[in-house]
């Protein structure tokens, strides 16, 4: 498989499928992300977007193959994928609310060695200065936007090769959502590969190079984002 970013994708998903009981939440799906690419998955509520990400990261049982850096990793568990560099910021952030900003960030680096922790802190604080100001604050006492910054920062502490995000703008004020998504664009320009599920389609399309449209558990379209000229162009795939 060739991509616009190189000969082989960083990650390729092949015939990935997942059920909830007898319901096929995700039908056999093919998807890839090249090294250095920003890919977004868009679709209506209930389309299967979160299921897709949870299947990729092995948080739910699934069938099909996941190939990462040329290696079949389908049989690995979530923490093993994380050690390879596949890191997800889940919907709802998944922070430890009674722990401080510092402690949540340290958890992101758990298992990766302590020698270079301080440079990781500085990178995160450079992106999100408010986290430095609140380093000893309890996570649950922070605003929604600050908590989302912390969730992204924690993921970056693991030094991901592929950063996966599920609805990072959910429940945030437009200005804060713009700030966080713009930071993702900055990270991608620095070379980080990103797979984003997002409801704020216009901003996601501005940041990503390629889009998958998911509806009713199926990929309805895969195309470069410059081909989406209007919201009508996008929604016609939702009901294809």
Protein backbone atom coordinates (compact mmCIF):
# COMPACT_ATOMS: atom_id res chain seq x y z
CA UNK A 1 0.00 0.00 0.00
CA UNK A 2 1.43 3.36 -1.01
CA UNK A 3 0.48 6.64 0.63
CA UNK A 4 1.07 10.29 -0.14
CA UNK A 5 3.50 10.34 2.81
CA UNK A 6 5.57 7.28 2.00
CA UNK A 7 5.67 3.71 0.76
CA UNK A 8 4.05 2.09 3.78
CA UNK A 9 1.46 3.40 6.21
CA UNK A 10 2.40 3.82 9.86
CA UNK A 11 -0.80 1.97 10.77
CA UNK A 12 -3.18 -0.03 8.61
CA UNK A 13 -6.51 -1.46 9.77
CA UNK A 14 -7.80 -4.33 7.66
CA UNK A 15 -11.35 -5.71 7.89
CA UNK A 16 -11.67 -4.50 11.48
CA UNK A 17 -15.11 -5.31 12.89
CA UNK A 18 -16.76 -5.22 16.31
CA UNK A 19 -20.12 -6.26 17.75
CA UNK A 20 -22.08 -5.28 20.83
CA UNK A 21 -23.98 -8.49 21.45
CA UNK A 22 -25.80 -9.27 18.22
CA UNK A 23 -25.43 -5.71 16.91
CA UNK A 24 -22.70 -5.10 14.32
CA UNK A 25 -21.47 -1.73 15.61
CA UNK A 26 -18.51 -1.70 13.24
CA UNK A 27 -18.66 -3.60 9.98
CA UNK A 28 -15.41 -4.76 8.28
CA UNK A 29 -13.43 -1.56 7.95
CA UNK A 30 -10.18 -0.64 6.21
CA UNK A 31 -8.28 2.47 7.23
CA UNK A 32 -4.70 3.68 7.27
CA UNK A 33 -2.62 6.53 8.65
CA UNK A 34 0.74 7.41 7.11
CA UNK A 35 3.71 8.58 9.10
CA UNK A 36 3.33 12.32 9.69
CA UNK A 37 -0.27 12.38 8.46
CA UNK A 38 -3.33 13.94 10.12
CA UNK A 39 -6.44 11.86 9.43
CA UNK A 40 -9.92 12.62 10.71
CA UNK A 41 -12.96 10.36 10.96
CA UNK A 42 -16.28 12.15 10.70
CA UNK A 43 -19.85 10.94 10.88
CA UNK A 44 -23.19 11.38 12.63
CA UNK A 45 -23.86 10.34 16.23
CA UNK A 46 -24.08 6.58 16.51
CA UNK A 47 -22.03 6.01 13.38
CA UNK A 48 -19.50 3.79 15.16
CA UNK A 49 -16.65 6.28 15.47
CA UNK A 50 -15.85 5.58 19.12
CA UNK A 51 -16.24 1.85 18.50
CA UNK A 52 -13.65 2.13 15.72
CA UNK A 53 -11.09 3.76 18.01
CA UNK A 54 -11.80 1.35 20.86
CA UNK A 55 -11.34 -1.57 18.47
CA UNK A 56 -8.04 -0.19 17.16
CA UNK A 57 -6.71 0.22 20.70
CA UNK A 58 -8.08 -3.19 21.80
CA UNK A 59 -10.36 -1.75 24.45
CA UNK A 60 -13.13 -3.95 23.02
CA UNK A 61 -13.02 -7.33 21.33
CA UNK A 62 -12.81 -7.17 17.55
CA UNK A 63 -11.90 -9.17 14.47
CA UNK A 64 -9.63 -8.18 11.60
CA UNK A 65 -6.01 -7.08 11.49
CA UNK A 66 -4.05 -4.11 12.77
CA UNK A 67 -0.60 -3.57 11.27
CA UNK A 68 1.69 -0.98 12.89
CA UNK A 69 5.09 -0.11 11.48
CA UNK A 70 4.87 -3.21 9.29
CA UNK A 71 4.12 -5.54 12.21
CA UNK A 72 0.85 -7.37 12.81
CA UNK A 73 -0.20 -6.23 16.29
CA UNK A 74 -3.74 -7.63 16.22
CA UNK A 75 -3.09 -9.96 19.14
CA UNK A 76 -1.60 -7.34 21.46
CA UNK A 77 -3.39 -5.79 24.41
CA UNK A 78 -3.96 -2.09 25.02
CA UNK A 79 -0.91 -1.53 27.23
CA UNK A 80 1.30 -3.40 24.76
CA UNK A 81 0.10 -1.15 21.93
CA UNK A 82 0.84 1.86 24.12
CA UNK A 83 4.44 0.70 24.55
CA UNK A 84 4.74 0.62 20.76
CA UNK A 85 3.58 4.24 20.57
CA UNK A 86 -0.19 3.98 19.90
CA UNK A 87 -1.69 6.34 22.48
CA UNK A 88 -5.33 7.41 22.77
CA UNK A 89 -7.01 10.36 24.44
CA UNK A 90 -10.44 8.85 25.18
CA UNK A 91 -13.82 10.52 25.02
CA UNK A 92 -14.47 11.92 28.49
CA UNK A 93 -10.70 12.37 29.09
CA UNK A 94 -10.26 9.51 31.57
CA UNK A 95 -8.33 11.58 34.09
CA UNK A 96 -7.77 10.62 37.71
CA UNK A 97 -9.81 13.42 39.26
CA UNK A 98 -8.42 13.21 42.79
CA UNK A 99 -4.83 13.34 41.57
CA UNK A 100 -2.89 16.49 40.70
CA UNK A 101 -1.91 17.73 37.27
CA UNK A 102 1.66 16.59 37.95
CA UNK A 103 0.54 13.10 38.99
CA UNK A 104 -1.71 12.67 35.95
CA UNK A 105 1.11 13.72 33.66
CA UNK A 106 3.54 11.34 35.34
CA UNK A 107 1.12 8.49 34.74
CA UNK A 108 1.37 9.21 31.03
CA UNK A 109 5.11 8.50 31.18
CA UNK A 110 4.73 5.42 33.38
CA UNK A 111 6.84 2.51 32.19
CA UNK A 112 8.91 4.54 29.73
CA UNK A 113 11.82 5.40 32.01
CA UNK A 114 12.39 8.39 34.26
CA UNK A 115 15.60 9.81 32.82
CA UNK A 116 13.94 12.18 30.35
CA UNK A 117 10.79 13.12 32.27
CA UNK A 118 11.64 16.81 32.69
CA UNK A 119 11.99 17.50 28.94
CA UNK A 120 8.58 15.91 28.44
CA UNK A 121 7.09 18.16 31.11
CA UNK A 122 8.60 21.18 29.39
CA UNK A 123 7.19 20.15 26.02
CA UNK A 124 3.70 19.79 27.48
CA UNK A 125 3.95 23.09 29.35
CA UNK A 126 5.13 24.80 26.19
CA UNK A 127 1.94 23.69 24.47
CA UNK A 128 -0.36 24.25 27.45
CA UNK A 129 1.12 26.91 29.77
CA UNK A 130 -1.93 26.75 32.04
CA UNK A 131 -0.92 23.26 33.11
CA UNK A 132 2.35 24.64 34.50
CA UNK A 133 0.38 27.22 36.48
CA UNK A 134 -1.84 24.46 37.90
CA UNK A 135 0.80 21.78 38.34
CA UNK A 136 -0.28 20.94 41.92
CA UNK A 137 -4.00 21.47 41.39
CA UNK A 138 -6.40 18.54 41.68
CA UNK A 139 -7.59 17.58 38.19
CA UNK A 140 -11.28 17.42 39.13
CA UNK A 141 -11.22 21.07 40.23
CA UNK A 142 -10.12 22.34 36.82
CA UNK A 143 -12.34 23.64 34.03
CA UNK A 144 -13.38 21.33 31.21
CA UNK A 145 -10.94 22.93 28.82
CA UNK A 146 -8.05 22.62 31.26
CA UNK A 147 -8.93 18.98 31.86
CA UNK A 148 -8.84 18.32 28.12
CA UNK A 149 -5.45 20.01 27.90
CA UNK A 150 -4.31 17.72 30.69
CA UNK A 151 -5.66 14.64 28.89
CA UNK A 152 -3.76 15.57 25.73
CA UNK A 153 -0.67 16.44 27.76
CA UNK A 154 -0.77 13.10 29.56
CA UNK A 155 -0.88 11.31 26.19
CA UNK A 156 2.10 13.34 24.95
CA UNK A 157 4.10 12.32 28.02
CA UNK A 158 4.08 8.80 26.57
CA UNK A 159 5.82 10.16 23.44
CA UNK A 160 3.34 8.66 20.97
CA UNK A 161 4.13 7.72 17.40
CA UNK A 162 0.39 7.75 16.66
CA UNK A 163 -1.89 9.97 18.72
CA UNK A 164 -5.56 8.93 18.61
CA UNK A 165 -8.21 11.31 19.95
CA UNK A 166 -11.92 10.74 20.50
CA UNK A 167 -13.98 13.95 20.44
CA UNK A 168 -11.47 16.22 22.21
CA UNK A 169 -13.72 19.28 21.74
CA UNK A 170 -16.79 17.64 23.33
CA UNK A 171 -18.50 19.95 25.81
CA UNK A 172 -15.99 22.77 25.39
CA UNK A 173 -16.60 26.41 24.59
CA UNK A 174 -15.80 27.18 20.93
CA UNK A 175 -12.73 29.27 21.78
CA UNK A 176 -11.24 26.53 23.96
CA UNK A 177 -12.06 23.83 21.41
CA UNK A 178 -10.32 25.89 18.73
CA UNK A 179 -7.26 26.28 20.95
CA UNK A 180 -6.96 22.56 21.62
CA UNK A 181 -7.57 21.47 18.03
CA UNK A 182 -5.14 24.10 16.77
CA UNK A 183 -2.52 22.63 19.11
CA UNK A 184 -3.10 19.26 17.43
CA UNK A 185 -2.39 20.92 14.10
CA UNK A 186 0.83 22.32 15.54
CA UNK A 187 1.85 18.85 16.75
CA UNK A 188 1.17 17.38 13.33
CA UNK A 189 3.30 20.05 11.66
CA UNK A 190 6.05 18.89 14.00
CA UNK A 191 5.76 15.39 12.55
CA UNK A 192 3.30 13.63 14.88
CA UNK A 193 0.82 11.27 13.20
CA UNK A 194 -2.75 11.88 14.35
CA UNK A 195 -6.05 10.03 14.01
CA UNK A 196 -8.92 12.23 15.16
CA UNK A 197 -12.62 11.53 15.67
CA UNK A 198 -14.41 14.87 15.92
CA UNK A 199 -17.88 16.42 15.71
CA UNK A 200 -16.60 19.90 14.83
CA UNK A 201 -16.21 19.00 11.17
CA UNK A 202 -15.16 22.40 9.74
CA UNK A 203 -12.13 22.74 12.02
CA UNK A 204 -11.19 19.07 11.72
CA UNK A 205 -11.24 19.38 7.93
CA UNK A 206 -8.97 22.43 8.08
CA UNK A 207 -6.39 20.49 10.10
CA UNK A 208 -6.46 17.06 8.47
CA UNK A 209 -5.03 15.99 5.14
CA UNK A 210 -7.48 13.14 4.66
CA UNK A 211 -10.96 12.23 5.90
CA UNK A 212 -12.91 9.04 6.36
CA UNK A 213 -16.69 9.36 6.56
CA UNK A 214 -18.26 6.72 8.79
CA UNK A 215 -21.99 6.04 8.93
CA UNK A 216 -23.96 3.08 10.31
CA UNK A 217 -20.73 1.24 11.09
CA UNK A 218 -19.37 1.51 7.54
CA UNK A 219 -16.80 3.70 5.83
CA UNK A 220 -18.83 5.60 3.23
CA UNK A 221 -15.99 7.64 1.78
CA UNK A 222 -12.25 8.22 1.96
CA UNK A 223 -10.95 11.36 0.33
CA UNK A 224 -8.53 14.26 0.73
CA UNK A 225 -10.04 17.03 2.79
CA UNK A 226 -9.63 19.61 0.01
CA UNK A 227 -12.38 17.81 -1.89
CA UNK A 228 -14.90 18.71 0.84
CA UNK A 229 -16.03 22.17 -0.24
CA UNK A 230 -19.11 22.49 1.97
CA UNK A 231 -20.99 20.81 4.79
CA UNK A 232 -23.43 19.54 2.17
CA UNK A 233 -20.57 17.69 0.46
CA UNK A 234 -19.92 15.94 3.76
CA UNK A 235 -23.46 15.13 4.86
CA UNK A 236 -24.40 13.51 1.58
CA UNK A 237 -21.99 10.72 2.51
CA UNK A 238 -23.64 10.32 5.92
CA UNK A 239 -26.81 9.06 4.27
CA UNK A 240 -25.25 7.34 1.29
